[in-house]
Amino acid sequence: MAKPSMKDRNAANLARTMKQMERWRIETSDTVEDAMFKAGKLVSINMQKEIARKVDGPINFTAKNALYYIKEKKGIYAREYRIGIKDAQDLYLSAIIDRKKPTDKLIPVNPKYTDKNGNIKGLSRNLKNGAYVKVVQATETILINTKAKKREDRLIAIRKLSKRPHKISWDKLEESAVKQFNQKIKDIL
């Protein structure tokens, strides 16, 4: 039996090496992709906590559901990870996140009239039957309970066109998210 030529052995070794490198690339890319996904999820959770900490008296709507985290394939090797605020929460939080939009909501004053989500209990029903009355002034709207016997219990909510202080800087949140993401990747890998 003739020995394989040097050229044939090199071709066989090259093919075996290429096969091993392809297997290693697949294993490594899965590991890196999983690490990036986990890191992004952790950053998303940290950002949620940060927003909840800076909002005074956050309800579940704000504290738990403010951010979304999406991973999309953008090609064979490219992935896009996006963290953002959902549209419904964006409307609610826009007054305190880097925007100049004034607050234009009835802000409950008396916690006795709010439910667990921070909404005024039976608002539309009580407005219809006359139990609650809106008193509109030049820059304010006051919601009053006409059925309350004590004067302290009458005031339910106030709508005042005022700019709330910006407690959350989206640029700072973004910068800290990138730092956290890079650190988590280093820790995981």
Protein backbone atom coordinates (compact mmCIF):
# COMPACT_ATOMS: atom_id res chain seq x y z
CA MET A 1 0.00 0.00 0.00
CA ALA A 2 1.32 3.38 -0.98
CA LYS A 3 1.74 6.11 1.57
CA PRO A 4 -0.51 9.17 1.05
CA SER A 5 1.41 12.05 -0.39
CA MET A 6 2.28 15.08 1.67
CA LYS A 7 -0.25 17.11 -0.30
CA ASP A 8 -3.07 14.65 0.52
CA ARG A 9 -2.13 14.60 4.23
CA ASN A 10 -2.08 18.38 4.39
CA ALA A 11 -5.47 18.55 2.66
CA ALA A 12 -6.90 16.02 5.13
CA ASN A 13 -5.43 17.88 8.12
CA LEU A 14 -6.73 21.17 6.75
CA ALA A 15 -10.23 19.72 6.29
CA ARG A 16 -10.18 18.27 9.84
CA THR A 17 -8.94 21.58 11.28
CA MET A 18 -11.57 23.55 9.38
CA LYS A 19 -14.29 21.18 10.66
CA GLN A 20 -13.05 21.62 14.26
CA MET A 21 -12.89 25.40 13.85
CA GLU A 22 -16.46 25.48 12.51
CA ARG A 23 -17.66 23.40 15.48
CA TRP A 24 -15.79 25.73 17.90
CA ARG A 25 -17.30 28.82 16.15
CA ILE A 26 -20.83 27.44 16.58
CA GLU A 27 -20.26 26.54 20.24
CA THR A 28 -18.60 29.87 21.04
CA SER A 29 -21.17 31.97 19.22
CA ASP A 30 -23.98 30.24 21.11
CA THR A 31 -22.18 30.92 24.39
CA VAL A 32 -21.54 34.57 23.52
CA GLU A 33 -25.09 35.07 22.27
CA ASP A 34 -26.53 33.54 25.45
CA ALA A 35 -24.21 35.68 27.56
CA MET A 36 -25.26 38.82 25.70
CA PHE A 37 -28.94 37.95 26.11
CA LYS A 38 -28.53 37.32 29.85
CA ALA A 39 -26.52 40.52 30.28
CA GLY A 40 -29.14 42.54 28.42
CA LYS A 41 -31.92 41.08 30.55
CA LEU A 42 -30.03 41.91 33.75
CA VAL A 43 -29.41 45.47 32.54
CA SER A 44 -33.13 45.79 31.72
CA ILE A 45 -34.05 44.68 35.24
CA ASN A 46 -31.55 47.13 36.78
CA MET A 47 -32.95 49.99 34.70
CA GLN A 48 -36.48 49.10 35.84
CA LYS A 49 -35.35 49.25 39.46
CA GLU A 50 -33.60 52.57 38.88
CA ILE A 51 -36.72 54.13 37.33
CA ALA A 52 -38.92 52.75 40.13
CA ARG A 53 -36.52 54.18 42.74
CA LYS A 54 -36.62 57.66 41.24
CA VAL A 55 -40.40 57.83 40.74
CA ASP A 56 -42.11 58.83 43.98
CA GLY A 57 -44.59 56.12 44.99
CA PRO A 58 -44.45 53.95 41.85
CA ILE A 59 -47.37 51.63 41.20
CA ASN A 60 -47.01 48.17 39.64
CA PHE A 61 -47.78 49.65 36.22
CA THR A 62 -44.64 51.76 36.49
CA ALA A 63 -42.37 49.66 38.67
CA LYS A 64 -42.66 46.27 36.98
CA ASN A 65 -43.64 46.86 33.39
CA ALA A 66 -41.80 49.99 32.37
CA LEU A 67 -39.15 48.41 30.17
CA TYR A 68 -39.14 45.90 27.39
CA TYR A 69 -36.21 43.86 26.19
CA ILE A 70 -36.09 42.44 22.64
CA LYS A 71 -33.53 40.36 20.81
CA GLU A 72 -33.78 40.30 17.00
CA LYS A 73 -31.71 38.53 14.37
CA LYS A 74 -30.34 40.97 11.81
CA GLY A 75 -28.48 38.42 9.67
CA ILE A 76 -26.50 35.24 10.17
CA TYR A 77 -24.13 36.68 12.76
CA ALA A 78 -25.74 39.97 13.72
CA ARG A 79 -28.13 40.37 16.65
CA GLU A 80 -29.82 43.53 17.86
CA TYR A 81 -30.69 43.95 21.53
CA ARG A 82 -33.12 46.74 22.37
CA ILE A 83 -34.19 48.08 25.74
CA GLY A 84 -36.89 50.73 25.86
CA ILE A 85 -39.96 52.05 27.60
CA LYS A 86 -43.36 50.80 26.48
CA ASP A 87 -45.63 53.37 24.84
CA ALA A 88 -48.23 53.39 27.63
CA GLN A 89 -45.57 53.99 30.28
CA ASP A 90 -43.84 56.53 28.04
CA LEU A 91 -46.93 58.74 28.15
CA TYR A 92 -47.07 58.37 31.92
CA LEU A 93 -43.36 58.84 32.60
CA SER A 94 -42.61 61.45 29.94
CA ALA A 95 -43.06 64.31 32.38
CA ILE A 96 -40.13 63.11 34.49
CA ILE A 97 -37.80 61.69 31.84
CA ASP A 98 -35.93 64.44 29.97
CA ARG A 99 -38.99 66.04 28.43
CA LYS A 100 -40.51 69.45 28.82
CA LYS A 101 -44.08 68.14 28.70
CA PRO A 102 -46.09 69.38 31.69
CA THR A 103 -48.09 67.01 33.87
CA ASP A 104 -51.73 67.08 32.79
CA LYS A 105 -53.34 64.44 34.98
CA LEU A 106 -55.46 64.44 38.09
CA ILE A 107 -52.96 63.69 40.82
CA PRO A 108 -54.60 61.97 43.80
CA VAL A 109 -54.05 63.80 47.08
CA ASN A 110 -55.91 61.53 49.46
CA PRO A 111 -54.77 57.87 49.34
CA LYS A 112 -58.14 56.89 50.78
CA TYR A 113 -59.70 57.36 47.32
CA THR A 114 -57.14 55.37 45.32
CA ASP A 115 -57.00 51.69 44.49
CA LYS A 116 -53.87 49.51 44.61
CA ASN A 117 -52.82 50.78 41.16
CA GLY A 118 -52.99 54.44 42.17
CA ASN A 119 -56.16 55.17 40.20
CA ILE A 120 -59.08 57.09 41.68
CA LYS A 121 -61.78 54.59 42.60
CA GLY A 122 -65.05 54.91 40.68
CA LEU A 123 -64.07 58.19 39.04
CA SER A 124 -66.37 58.13 36.01
CA ARG A 125 -69.31 56.63 37.92
CA ASN A 126 -69.05 59.16 40.76
CA LEU A 127 -68.67 62.06 38.33
CA LYS A 128 -71.89 60.97 36.58
CA ASN A 129 -73.95 60.58 39.75
CA GLY A 130 -72.67 63.84 41.28
CA ALA A 131 -70.68 62.40 44.17
CA TYR A 132 -67.49 63.90 42.72
CA VAL A 133 -67.37 67.40 41.26
CA LYS A 134 -64.62 69.02 39.21
CA VAL A 135 -63.98 72.64 40.09
CA VAL A 136 -62.08 74.33 37.26
CA GLN A 137 -60.01 77.41 37.99
CA ALA A 138 -57.56 79.29 35.76
CA THR A 139 -54.55 76.97 36.12
CA GLU A 140 -55.96 74.19 38.28
CA THR A 141 -58.74 71.63 38.39
CA ILE A 142 -59.79 70.27 41.76
CA LEU A 143 -61.76 67.07 42.26
CA ILE A 144 -64.02 67.23 45.33
CA ASN A 145 -66.12 64.57 47.04
CA THR A 146 -69.48 66.22 47.79
CA LYS A 147 -70.62 63.31 50.00
CA ALA A 148 -67.76 63.59 52.49
CA LYS A 149 -68.73 64.96 55.89
CA LYS A 150 -65.30 66.10 57.10
CA ARG A 151 -63.58 68.92 55.32
CA GLU A 152 -60.27 67.01 55.23
CA ASP A 153 -61.92 64.17 53.31
CA ARG A 154 -63.39 66.37 50.55
CA LEU A 155 -60.30 66.94 48.42
CA ILE A 156 -59.58 63.93 46.20
CA ALA A 157 -57.21 65.12 43.46
CA ILE A 158 -55.66 68.19 41.85
CA ARG A 159 -54.74 68.82 38.23
CA LYS A 160 -52.16 71.53 38.05
CA LEU A 161 -50.24 72.37 34.89
CA SER A 162 -46.76 72.25 36.29
CA LYS A 163 -43.46 70.97 35.11
CA ARG A 164 -42.17 68.25 37.36
CA PRO A 165 -38.45 68.14 38.06
CA HIS A 166 -36.59 65.73 35.80
CA LYS A 167 -35.52 63.01 38.18
CA ILE A 168 -34.41 60.62 35.45
CA SER A 169 -31.89 61.49 32.77
CA TRP A 170 -32.25 59.10 29.84
CA ASP A 171 -28.68 59.85 28.73
CA LYS A 172 -27.31 58.84 32.14
CA LEU A 173 -29.49 55.72 32.17
CA GLU A 174 -28.22 54.79 28.72
CA GLU A 175 -24.60 55.36 29.69
CA SER A 176 -24.92 53.26 32.84
CA ALA A 177 -26.73 50.53 30.87
CA VAL A 178 -23.85 50.26 28.39
CA LYS A 179 -21.32 50.08 31.25
CA GLN A 180 -23.40 47.44 33.06
CA PHE A 181 -23.85 45.44 29.85
CA ASN A 182 -20.11 45.38 29.13
CA GLN A 183 -19.31 44.44 32.73
CA LYS A 184 -21.91 41.62 32.77
CA ILE A 185 -20.48 40.23 29.52
CA LYS A 186 -17.00 40.18 31.06
CA ASP A 187 -18.36 38.49 34.22
CA ILE A 188 -20.34 35.85 32.30
CA LEU A 189 -17.59 35.01 29.82
